[in-house]
Amino acid sequence: MPLTGLMVMKQARKYHEELNIEGECEYSEGWLQKFKKRHGIKYLKICGEKASADYDAAERYIDEFAKMVSDDKLSPEQIYNADETALYWRYIPRKTLTTVDERAPSGFKDAKDRVTVLGCANAASTRMLKLAVLGKSQRPRCFKGVTNLPVHYYVNKNAWVTREMFTNWFNNHFVPAARAHCRKAGLVENCKILLLLDNCSAHPPAEVLVKNNVFSIYLPPNVTSLIQPCDQGILRSMKTKYKYFFLNCMLAAVNRGVDIKDFLKEFTLKDVIYALVNAWKDVTKSTLKNAWHKLWPATMFDENEPADEDEMKMISNLIAYAKSVATENVNTLESADIEEVLNVDNDALVVHSLSDGEIAEMVLDNNKHEDSTGSDEDDDIVNTGEKTPIDDMVKLCDQLIGGMEQRTFISAHEIMAVYSIKERLLRQKPLLMKHMTLEEVFKPENDGHDGKPEDDGHHNNDDDIDLPSSPGSSN
């Protein structure tokens, strides 16, 4: 039976009265967090996948997997797991929109804008591949002027995974990245690499996902919630860290006097992508290692890793921050509201089996999109418009460095990263001047640019990609 934190606190107050306990206790959010931590209670969501899990099949597969690893003499460096998860990237608790005058703002709908995120890491926790993000819009306005992103960006009308997209990711991104890591780790050239997958209908057959001695293997049906590594806390950790950042941004905006609905309009898909990349990098090695222990008990794991410690700390910090914000909309934010955000997309679909009619409709929609010469609010031409002058960017770097040096929680390494960017910008100035005529050199700044792209000497690598040129593709 579902229980919320509010229900637990109310029941505790009733027990306090019925048992005639002496002394007073507020049974507040602080009490609830300590109560949960003291007794090892964590938030669980009832879902069909867990209820229908096949425990016997999971036990059998654990033995089969161990035998396969032993027979092929595979190390944790050579074994990867990839999985997709849905993310409602602009969802906020309904309570935060409640005011004194009305129960919910008129004309406001749940912000369930979604993307699908594909994460992949190896069992040794030494290689986390760049995220693949699947969005709905081919050319969102926020991508205007952007030439590369720190993720592999794909497009689908409903942000669902397709076999075409997954095959593209496997051949063009996973295989080269996994092979390069094995060479770097000192393994035998062309050693065998395994990619462990669940039985999602968007994953092609195992015989299709084979390239350069890289193979895919599939878990049995109905065991992913029990033994698939990405389902044992890896993707959950990434999404929790993203949502912690998002809610902090919301509270900071409210604290500045920005209306929540205005904040949601300003928070774009580009913000989501960069926040997701940071959240993915912040997933700890302990989380990555421990996630493999159920499937592969022989792997080393951190027994001292406190389960859900970070999540509970994030909830407490958000509640404290909300109480410090003197705004009626958010000062009653409770753990149940935050847990709502953390769990709202747990069961959201990442793939859909299309009927013949739906496939035909998608083809027609794509054709219309390609034939259209106009643009709308969410679909604009990428790589157009004036670029920010290099001198302005250098000034911004100086301002950022000055502010970072005043903060004790920012490391010298992070400050040096901004210095490096500043130096790269300054190095481009002479290069640009070499290609300019005298008229262009003395041209007033307010006359604009000649429209030619600046060559910053930056080439695509495993950390930067070009935006896709057509739906369902990735460069």
Protein backbone atom coordinates (compact mmCIF):
# COMPACT_ATOMS: atom_id res chain seq x y z
CA MET A 1 0.00 0.00 0.00
CA PRO A 2 1.49 3.37 -0.97
CA LEU A 3 2.68 5.49 1.97
CA THR A 4 3.79 9.10 1.79
CA GLY A 5 5.98 10.90 4.28
CA LEU A 6 3.01 13.03 5.30
CA MET A 7 0.97 9.92 6.16
CA VAL A 8 3.84 8.55 8.30
CA MET A 9 4.11 11.81 10.25
CA LYS A 10 0.33 11.95 10.85
CA GLN A 11 0.29 8.34 12.06
CA ALA A 12 3.23 9.04 14.38
CA ARG A 13 1.28 11.91 15.97
CA LYS A 14 -1.70 9.58 16.52
CA TYR A 15 0.53 6.97 18.17
CA HIS A 16 1.99 9.71 20.36
CA GLU A 17 -1.49 10.58 21.64
CA GLU A 18 -2.80 7.02 21.94
CA LEU A 19 0.26 5.82 23.86
CA ASN A 20 0.17 8.86 26.15
CA ILE A 21 3.86 9.56 25.52
CA GLU A 22 5.18 12.29 27.79
CA GLY A 23 6.87 15.29 26.24
CA GLU A 24 6.27 16.96 22.93
CA CYS A 25 7.43 16.09 19.43
CA GLU A 26 6.67 18.02 16.26
CA TYR A 27 7.08 14.97 13.95
CA SER A 28 8.42 17.33 11.32
CA GLU A 29 10.28 16.72 8.06
CA GLY A 30 13.52 16.61 10.04
CA TRP A 31 12.08 13.90 12.29
CA LEU A 32 10.91 11.94 9.25
CA GLN A 33 14.33 11.99 7.57
CA LYS A 34 16.06 10.84 10.78
CA PHE A 35 13.39 8.16 11.33
CA LYS A 36 13.91 6.80 7.79
CA LYS A 37 17.68 6.86 8.13
CA ARG A 38 17.63 5.22 11.57
CA HIS A 39 15.48 2.31 10.40
CA GLY A 40 16.83 1.96 6.85
CA ILE A 41 13.57 3.01 5.21
CA LYS A 42 13.76 4.23 1.63
CA TYR A 43 11.19 5.35 -0.90
CA LEU A 44 9.96 2.55 -3.13
CA LYS A 45 7.45 2.80 -5.93
CA ILE A 46 5.01 -0.01 -6.67
CA CYS A 47 5.33 -0.89 -10.32
CA GLY A 48 4.32 -3.71 -12.60
CA GLU A 49 7.88 -4.54 -13.68
CA LYS A 50 9.03 -5.41 -10.18
CA ALA A 51 5.84 -7.32 -9.39
CA SER A 52 6.16 -9.49 -12.51
CA ALA A 53 9.89 -10.17 -12.09
CA ASP A 54 11.01 -13.77 -12.60
CA TYR A 55 13.29 -14.54 -9.67
CA ASP A 56 14.00 -18.12 -10.76
CA ALA A 57 15.08 -17.01 -14.23
CA ALA A 58 17.32 -14.36 -12.67
CA GLU A 59 19.04 -16.95 -10.47
CA ARG A 60 19.63 -19.26 -13.45
CA TYR A 61 21.02 -16.46 -15.58
CA ILE A 62 23.49 -15.39 -12.90
CA ASP A 63 25.09 -18.85 -13.15
CA GLU A 64 25.03 -18.77 -16.96
CA PHE A 65 26.62 -15.33 -17.01
CA ALA A 66 29.41 -16.39 -14.63
CA LYS A 67 30.17 -19.44 -16.81
CA MET A 68 30.24 -17.35 -19.99
CA VAL A 69 32.63 -14.83 -18.42
CA SER A 70 34.89 -17.63 -17.17
CA ASP A 71 34.93 -19.52 -20.48
CA ASP A 72 35.81 -16.40 -22.49
CA LYS A 73 38.21 -15.12 -19.79
CA LEU A 74 36.60 -11.69 -19.79
CA SER A 75 37.57 -8.90 -17.41
CA PRO A 76 35.22 -6.21 -16.05
CA GLU A 77 36.86 -3.79 -18.53
CA GLN A 78 35.35 -5.75 -21.43
CA ILE A 79 31.73 -5.98 -20.25
CA TYR A 80 29.25 -3.10 -20.61
CA ASN A 81 25.60 -2.52 -19.88
CA ALA A 82 23.39 0.03 -21.61
CA ASP A 83 19.84 1.01 -20.81
CA GLU A 84 17.34 3.75 -21.57
CA THR A 85 15.26 5.81 -19.17
CA ALA A 86 12.64 8.50 -19.65
CA LEU A 87 13.08 11.92 -18.06
CA TYR A 88 10.32 14.48 -17.48
CA TRP A 89 12.82 17.29 -17.48
CA ARG A 90 10.50 20.19 -16.56
CA TYR A 91 8.24 18.48 -14.04
CA ILE A 92 7.71 20.22 -10.70
CA PRO A 93 5.53 19.27 -7.69
CA ARG A 94 1.90 20.31 -8.13
CA LYS A 95 1.95 21.85 -4.65
CA THR A 96 4.48 24.47 -5.72
CA LEU A 97 1.86 25.96 -8.03
CA THR A 98 -0.84 26.16 -5.37
CA THR A 99 -1.78 29.64 -4.15
CA VAL A 100 -4.16 31.04 -1.57
CA ASP A 101 -6.69 32.15 -4.18
CA GLU A 102 -6.85 29.00 -6.28
CA ARG A 103 -6.03 25.32 -6.01
CA ALA A 104 -4.05 25.27 -9.26
CA PRO A 105 -3.23 28.02 -11.74
CA SER A 106 -5.67 28.21 -14.60
CA GLY A 107 -4.43 27.20 -18.01
CA PHE A 108 -1.36 25.40 -16.62
CA LYS A 109 -0.65 21.82 -17.59
CA ASP A 110 1.79 19.34 -16.08
CA ALA A 111 5.21 20.09 -17.56
CA LYS A 112 5.83 16.54 -18.74
CA ASP A 113 8.19 17.52 -21.53
CA ARG A 114 10.29 14.44 -21.93
CA VAL A 115 13.50 13.09 -23.37
CA THR A 116 14.84 9.56 -23.37
CA VAL A 117 18.38 9.10 -22.09
CA LEU A 118 20.66 6.18 -22.95
CA GLY A 119 23.46 5.51 -20.45
CA CYS A 120 26.24 2.97 -20.77
CA ALA A 121 29.16 1.99 -18.51
CA ASN A 122 31.46 -0.98 -17.98
CA ALA A 123 31.63 -3.33 -15.00
CA ALA A 124 35.02 -1.99 -13.92
CA SER A 125 33.51 1.51 -13.45
CA THR A 126 36.43 2.88 -15.50
CA ARG A 127 34.51 3.85 -18.63
CA MET A 128 31.25 5.80 -18.83
CA LEU A 129 30.27 6.46 -22.42
CA LYS A 130 28.89 9.76 -23.58
CA LEU A 131 25.13 9.91 -23.07
CA ALA A 132 22.74 9.57 -25.96
CA VAL A 133 19.71 11.86 -25.65
CA LEU A 134 16.58 11.35 -27.71
CA GLY A 135 14.41 14.46 -28.10
CA LYS A 136 11.24 15.37 -29.97
CA SER A 137 12.43 18.42 -31.88
CA GLN A 138 14.97 18.29 -34.66
CA ARG A 139 15.95 21.97 -34.46
CA PRO A 140 14.80 23.55 -31.20
CA ARG A 141 15.26 27.29 -30.93
CA CYS A 142 17.68 26.90 -28.01
CA PHE A 143 20.12 25.12 -30.38
CA LYS A 144 20.41 28.22 -32.54
CA GLY A 145 24.09 28.89 -33.20
CA VAL A 146 25.18 25.64 -31.51
CA THR A 147 27.62 23.54 -33.56
CA ASN A 148 28.23 20.69 -31.12
CA LEU A 149 26.78 19.15 -27.99
CA PRO A 150 28.35 17.00 -25.24
CA VAL A 151 25.87 14.19 -26.03
CA HIS A 152 24.80 12.14 -29.04
CA TYR A 153 21.51 13.79 -29.95
CA TYR A 154 18.79 11.85 -31.78
CA VAL A 155 15.29 12.85 -32.80
CA ASN A 156 11.97 11.05 -32.71
CA LYS A 157 8.46 12.48 -32.77
CA ASN A 158 7.63 10.96 -29.37
CA ALA A 159 11.19 10.76 -27.97
CA TRP A 160 10.99 6.96 -28.16
CA VAL A 161 13.90 4.65 -28.91
CA THR A 162 13.84 2.94 -32.31
CA ARG A 163 15.89 0.08 -33.73
CA GLU A 164 17.39 2.41 -36.32
CA MET A 165 18.55 4.80 -33.62
CA PHE A 166 19.98 2.05 -31.41
CA THR A 167 21.82 0.38 -34.29
CA ASN A 168 23.30 3.74 -35.24
CA TRP A 169 24.46 4.31 -31.66
CA PHE A 170 25.97 0.82 -31.43
CA ASN A 171 27.93 0.97 -34.69
CA ASN A 172 29.02 4.61 -34.70
CA HIS A 173 29.54 5.36 -31.01
CA PHE A 174 29.61 2.34 -28.71
CA VAL A 175 31.95 0.10 -30.71
CA PRO A 176 34.64 2.77 -31.35
CA ALA A 177 34.52 4.06 -27.75
CA ALA A 178 34.65 0.59 -26.14
CA ARG A 179 37.44 -0.54 -28.47
CA ALA A 180 39.50 2.59 -27.75
CA HIS A 181 39.12 2.05 -24.00
CA CYS A 182 40.32 -1.56 -24.20
CA ARG A 183 43.43 -0.43 -26.07
CA LYS A 184 44.03 2.25 -23.44
CA ALA A 185 43.57 -0.33 -20.66
CA GLY A 186 46.36 -2.46 -22.20
CA LEU A 187 44.17 -5.37 -23.27
CA VAL A 188 44.91 -7.60 -26.25
CA GLU A 189 44.24 -5.95 -29.60
CA ASN A 190 40.79 -6.84 -30.92
CA CYS A 191 39.81 -8.51 -27.64
CA LYS A 192 36.20 -9.58 -27.21
CA ILE A 193 33.77 -6.98 -25.84
CA LEU A 194 30.25 -7.70 -24.57
CA LEU A 195 27.29 -5.33 -24.36
CA LEU A 196 24.58 -6.54 -21.99
CA LEU A 197 21.04 -5.49 -22.94
CA ASP A 198 17.47 -6.07 -21.79
CA ASN A 199 14.65 -7.32 -23.99
CA CYS A 200 13.39 -3.91 -25.05
CA SER A 201 11.61 -4.18 -28.41
CA ALA A 202 13.73 -1.30 -29.75
CA HIS A 203 16.91 -3.37 -29.39
CA PRO A 204 17.75 -5.24 -32.62
CA PRO A 205 18.46 -8.99 -32.54
CA ALA A 206 21.84 -10.00 -31.12
CA GLU A 207 23.09 -11.13 -34.54
CA VAL A 208 22.61 -7.59 -35.87
CA LEU A 209 24.61 -5.92 -33.10
CA VAL A 210 27.98 -7.45 -34.00
CA LYS A 211 31.01 -5.48 -35.17
CA ASN A 212 34.81 -5.70 -34.75
CA ASN A 213 34.56 -8.56 -32.24
CA VAL A 214 32.00 -6.60 -30.20
CA PHE A 215 28.89 -8.62 -29.38
CA SER A 216 25.58 -8.03 -27.63
CA ILE A 217 23.94 -10.45 -25.22
CA TYR A 218 20.42 -10.32 -23.83
CA LEU A 219 18.99 -10.82 -20.38
CA PRO A 220 16.02 -13.17 -20.02
CA PRO A 221 12.56 -11.57 -19.93
CA ASN A 222 11.31 -10.10 -16.64
CA VAL A 223 14.64 -9.97 -14.83
CA THR A 224 15.88 -6.46 -15.65
CA SER A 225 14.51 -4.96 -12.43
CA LEU A 226 16.40 -7.62 -10.45
CA ILE A 227 19.85 -7.91 -12.02
CA GLN A 228 20.38 -5.40 -14.83
CA PRO A 229 23.19 -3.10 -13.59
CA CYS A 230 21.77 0.15 -14.98
CA ASP A 231 18.53 -0.60 -13.12
CA GLN A 232 20.37 -1.11 -9.83
CA GLY A 233 20.96 2.56 -9.11
CA ILE A 234 23.10 3.92 -11.96
CA LEU A 235 20.42 5.69 -13.98
CA ARG A 236 18.49 6.50 -10.81
CA SER A 237 21.54 8.31 -9.42
CA MET A 238 21.96 10.32 -12.61
CA LYS A 239 18.30 11.37 -12.72
CA THR A 240 18.23 12.24 -9.02
CA LYS A 241 21.25 14.52 -9.40
CA TYR A 242 19.68 16.16 -12.45
CA LYS A 243 16.38 16.80 -10.65
CA TYR A 244 18.22 18.12 -7.60
CA PHE A 245 19.90 20.66 -9.88
CA PHE A 246 16.61 21.50 -11.61
CA LEU A 247 14.70 22.10 -8.37
CA ASN A 248 17.57 24.21 -7.04
CA CYS A 249 17.39 26.32 -10.20
CA MET A 250 13.64 26.70 -9.67
CA LEU A 251 14.05 27.80 -6.05
CA ALA A 252 16.83 30.22 -7.00
CA ALA A 253 14.60 31.74 -9.69
CA VAL A 254 11.72 32.13 -7.24
CA ASN A 255 14.09 33.72 -4.76
CA ARG A 256 14.98 36.30 -7.43
CA GLY A 257 11.30 37.10 -7.92
CA VAL A 258 10.82 35.08 -11.12
CA ASP A 259 7.43 33.44 -11.53
CA ILE A 260 7.57 29.64 -11.73
CA LYS A 261 5.81 29.55 -15.09
CA ASP A 262 8.33 32.06 -16.46
CA PHE A 263 11.17 29.94 -15.12
CA LEU A 264 9.81 26.86 -16.90
CA LYS A 265 9.73 28.79 -20.17
CA GLU A 266 13.34 29.91 -19.71
CA PHE A 267 14.67 26.45 -18.84
CA THR A 268 15.51 24.93 -22.24
CA LEU A 269 16.51 21.62 -23.71
CA LYS A 270 20.09 22.86 -23.96
CA ASP A 271 20.09 23.45 -20.18
CA VAL A 272 18.80 19.90 -19.75
CA ILE A 273 21.58 18.39 -21.84
CA TYR A 274 24.39 20.14 -19.96
CA ALA A 275 22.80 19.35 -16.59
CA LEU A 276 22.44 15.68 -17.57
CA VAL A 277 26.09 15.48 -18.61
CA ASN A 278 27.18 16.89 -15.24
CA ALA A 279 24.82 14.53 -13.40
CA TRP A 280 26.23 11.57 -15.35
CA LYS A 281 29.80 12.57 -14.47
CA ASP A 282 28.81 12.86 -10.79
CA VAL A 283 27.62 9.23 -10.54
CA THR A 284 30.14 7.72 -8.15
CA LYS A 285 32.39 4.76 -8.87
CA SER A 286 30.89 2.99 -5.86
CA THR A 287 27.44 3.26 -7.44
CA LEU A 288 28.77 1.89 -10.73
CA LYS A 289 30.54 -1.03 -9.05
CA ASN A 290 27.74 -1.98 -6.67
CA ALA A 291 25.22 -2.05 -9.50
CA TRP A 292 26.96 -5.14 -10.97
CA HIS A 293 27.08 -7.14 -7.75
CA LYS A 294 23.68 -8.83 -8.11
CA LEU A 295 24.44 -10.08 -11.62
CA TRP A 296 28.14 -10.72 -11.06
CA PRO A 297 28.77 -11.43 -7.35
CA ALA A 298 32.47 -12.09 -8.05
CA THR A 299 33.07 -8.41 -8.84
CA MET A 300 34.49 -6.15 -6.16
CA PHE A 301 32.00 -3.78 -4.55
CA ASP A 302 31.93 -1.24 -1.76
CA GLU A 303 30.07 -2.70 1.22
CA ASN A 304 30.38 0.62 3.06
CA GLU A 305 28.46 2.56 0.42
CA PRO A 306 25.45 4.05 2.30
CA ALA A 307 22.33 3.25 0.30
CA ASP A 308 20.33 6.33 -0.65
CA GLU A 309 22.45 8.55 1.61
CA ASP A 310 22.96 11.12 -1.13
CA GLU A 311 19.29 11.13 -2.08
CA MET A 312 18.15 11.72 1.50
CA LYS A 313 20.70 14.51 1.89
CA MET A 314 19.48 16.16 -1.33
CA ILE A 315 15.88 16.05 -0.13
CA SER A 316 16.83 17.61 3.21
CA ASN A 317 18.83 20.35 1.48
CA LEU A 318 15.97 21.18 -0.89
CA ILE A 319 13.46 21.38 1.98
CA ALA A 320 15.79 23.68 3.93
CA TYR A 321 16.31 25.86 0.84
CA ALA A 322 12.55 26.02 0.15
CA LYS A 323 11.88 27.16 3.72
CA SER A 324 14.44 29.93 3.35
CA VAL A 325 12.65 31.27 0.26
CA ALA A 326 10.03 33.75 1.41
CA THR A 327 7.44 32.81 -1.19
CA GLU A 328 4.07 31.28 -0.43
CA ASN A 329 4.26 28.96 -3.45
CA VAL A 330 7.18 26.87 -2.23
CA ASN A 331 7.67 27.35 1.51
CA THR A 332 5.52 24.27 2.25
CA LEU A 333 7.62 21.96 0.05
CA GLU A 334 7.94 18.58 1.78
CA SER A 335 9.79 15.35 1.16
CA ALA A 336 6.69 13.81 -0.41
CA ASP A 337 6.65 16.58 -3.02
CA ILE A 338 10.30 16.03 -3.89
CA GLU A 339 9.83 12.27 -4.02
CA GLU A 340 6.99 12.90 -6.45
CA VAL A 341 9.44 14.62 -8.79
CA LEU A 342 12.08 11.93 -8.33
CA ASN A 343 9.67 9.13 -9.18
CA VAL A 344 7.18 10.64 -11.62
CA ASP A 345 8.88 9.17 -14.70
CA ASN A 346 9.90 5.78 -13.27
CA ASP A 347 7.42 3.87 -15.40
CA ALA A 348 7.35 6.16 -18.43
CA LEU A 349 7.73 4.28 -21.70
CA VAL A 350 10.93 4.60 -23.70
CA VAL A 351 9.70 2.55 -26.66
CA HIS A 352 6.38 1.92 -28.33
CA SER A 353 5.35 -0.84 -30.72
CA LEU A 354 3.92 1.04 -33.66
CA SER A 355 1.04 -0.17 -35.76
CA ASP A 356 1.17 0.04 -39.57
CA GLY A 357 -1.07 3.10 -39.42
CA GLU A 358 1.18 4.87 -36.90
CA ILE A 359 4.26 4.10 -38.98
CA ALA A 360 2.58 5.55 -42.07
CA GLU A 361 1.57 8.64 -40.09
CA MET A 362 5.15 9.17 -38.87
CA VAL A 363 6.47 8.90 -42.44
CA LEU A 364 3.96 11.50 -43.62
CA ASP A 365 4.85 13.80 -40.71
CA ASN A 366 8.57 13.51 -41.49
CA ASN A 367 7.94 14.26 -45.17
CA LYS A 368 5.91 17.33 -44.28
CA HIS A 369 8.65 18.44 -41.92
CA GLU A 370 11.33 18.09 -44.61
CA ASP A 371 9.23 19.91 -47.21
CA SER A 372 8.34 22.79 -44.91
CA THR A 373 10.33 25.98 -45.39
CA GLY A 374 8.94 27.83 -42.39
CA SER A 375 9.72 27.56 -38.70
CA ASP A 376 7.78 27.82 -35.49
CA GLU A 377 8.56 28.63 -31.90
CA ASP A 378 10.13 25.24 -31.13
CA ASP A 379 11.56 24.48 -34.57
CA ASP A 380 14.05 26.98 -35.84
CA ILE A 381 17.07 26.85 -38.13
CA VAL A 382 20.26 25.79 -36.37
CA ASN A 383 23.58 27.62 -36.79
CA THR A 384 22.16 30.99 -37.80
CA GLY A 385 22.53 34.42 -36.27
CA GLU A 386 25.50 36.45 -35.09
CA LYS A 387 28.14 34.91 -32.90
CA THR A 388 29.20 36.40 -29.58
CA PRO A 389 32.42 38.40 -30.14
CA ILE A 390 35.56 36.80 -28.74
CA ASP A 391 36.42 39.95 -26.76
CA ASP A 392 33.08 39.73 -24.96
CA MET A 393 33.69 36.05 -24.17
CA VAL A 394 37.12 36.86 -22.73
CA LYS A 395 35.57 39.50 -20.44
CA LEU A 396 33.00 36.98 -19.27
CA CYS A 397 35.79 34.50 -18.49
CA ASP A 398 37.59 37.12 -16.42
CA GLN A 399 34.40 37.88 -14.50
CA LEU A 400 33.73 34.19 -13.91
CA ILE A 401 37.29 33.51 -12.75
CA GLY A 402 37.10 36.42 -10.30
CA GLY A 403 33.89 35.07 -8.79
CA MET A 404 35.16 31.48 -8.65
CA GLU A 405 38.32 32.53 -6.80
CA GLN A 406 36.13 33.87 -3.98
CA ARG A 407 34.37 30.53 -3.43
CA THR A 408 36.05 27.91 -1.25
CA PHE A 409 34.00 25.04 -2.71
CA ILE A 410 35.46 25.59 -6.20
CA SER A 411 38.76 23.84 -6.81
CA ALA A 412 41.85 25.24 -8.49
CA HIS A 413 41.40 22.63 -11.23
CA GLU A 414 37.97 24.04 -12.07
CA ILE A 415 39.33 27.59 -12.17
CA MET A 416 42.16 26.47 -14.46
CA ALA A 417 39.57 24.98 -16.83
CA VAL A 418 38.11 28.47 -17.34
CA TYR A 419 41.61 29.90 -17.75
CA SER A 420 42.23 27.32 -20.49
CA ILE A 421 39.09 28.42 -22.30
CA LYS A 422 40.17 32.04 -22.04
CA GLU A 423 43.59 31.19 -23.49
CA ARG A 424 42.03 29.32 -26.40
CA LEU A 425 39.86 32.32 -27.17
CA LEU A 426 42.84 34.67 -27.10
CA ARG A 427 44.82 32.36 -29.40
CA GLN A 428 42.10 32.68 -32.03
CA LYS A 429 42.41 36.46 -32.29
CA PRO A 430 45.67 36.46 -34.34
CA LEU A 431 44.35 33.64 -36.54
CA LEU A 432 41.24 35.61 -37.36
CA MET A 433 43.21 38.79 -38.01
CA LYS A 434 45.37 37.03 -40.61
CA HIS A 435 42.32 36.47 -42.82
CA MET A 436 40.91 39.98 -42.50
CA THR A 437 41.37 42.87 -44.96
CA LEU A 438 42.26 46.39 -43.79
CA GLU A 439 38.64 47.43 -44.28
CA GLU A 440 37.48 44.60 -42.02
CA VAL A 441 40.13 45.34 -39.38
CA PHE A 442 38.99 48.95 -38.97
CA LYS A 443 35.31 48.17 -39.46
CA PRO A 444 33.20 49.51 -36.53
CA GLU A 445 32.05 46.77 -34.16
CA ASN A 446 28.38 47.71 -34.48
CA ASP A 447 28.44 46.96 -38.22
CA GLY A 448 28.01 43.28 -37.47
CA HIS A 449 29.87 40.28 -38.83
CA ASP A 450 30.46 39.03 -42.31
CA GLY A 451 28.56 35.83 -41.55
CA LYS A 452 31.59 33.54 -41.96
CA PRO A 453 32.05 31.01 -39.17
CA GLU A 454 35.06 31.42 -36.93
CA ASP A 455 37.49 28.53 -36.95
CA ASP A 456 38.28 27.85 -33.34
CA GLY A 457 40.49 24.91 -34.13
CA HIS A 458 38.15 22.57 -32.27
CA HIS A 459 37.47 19.20 -33.87
CA ASN A 460 34.91 16.59 -33.00
CA ASN A 461 36.04 13.88 -30.64
CA ASP A 462 34.35 11.56 -28.20
CA ASP A 463 33.31 14.55 -26.08
CA ASP A 464 31.75 16.72 -28.81
CA ILE A 465 29.42 15.93 -31.69
CA ASP A 466 27.74 17.80 -34.47
CA LEU A 467 24.00 18.22 -34.39
CA PRO A 468 22.14 15.68 -36.58
CA SER A 469 21.14 16.77 -40.01
CA SER A 470 18.00 14.69 -40.29
CA PRO A 471 15.52 13.01 -37.91
CA GLY A 472 16.71 9.73 -36.46
CA SER A 473 20.35 10.31 -37.39
CA SER A 474 23.44 11.30 -35.45
CA ASN A 475 26.78 12.69 -36.51
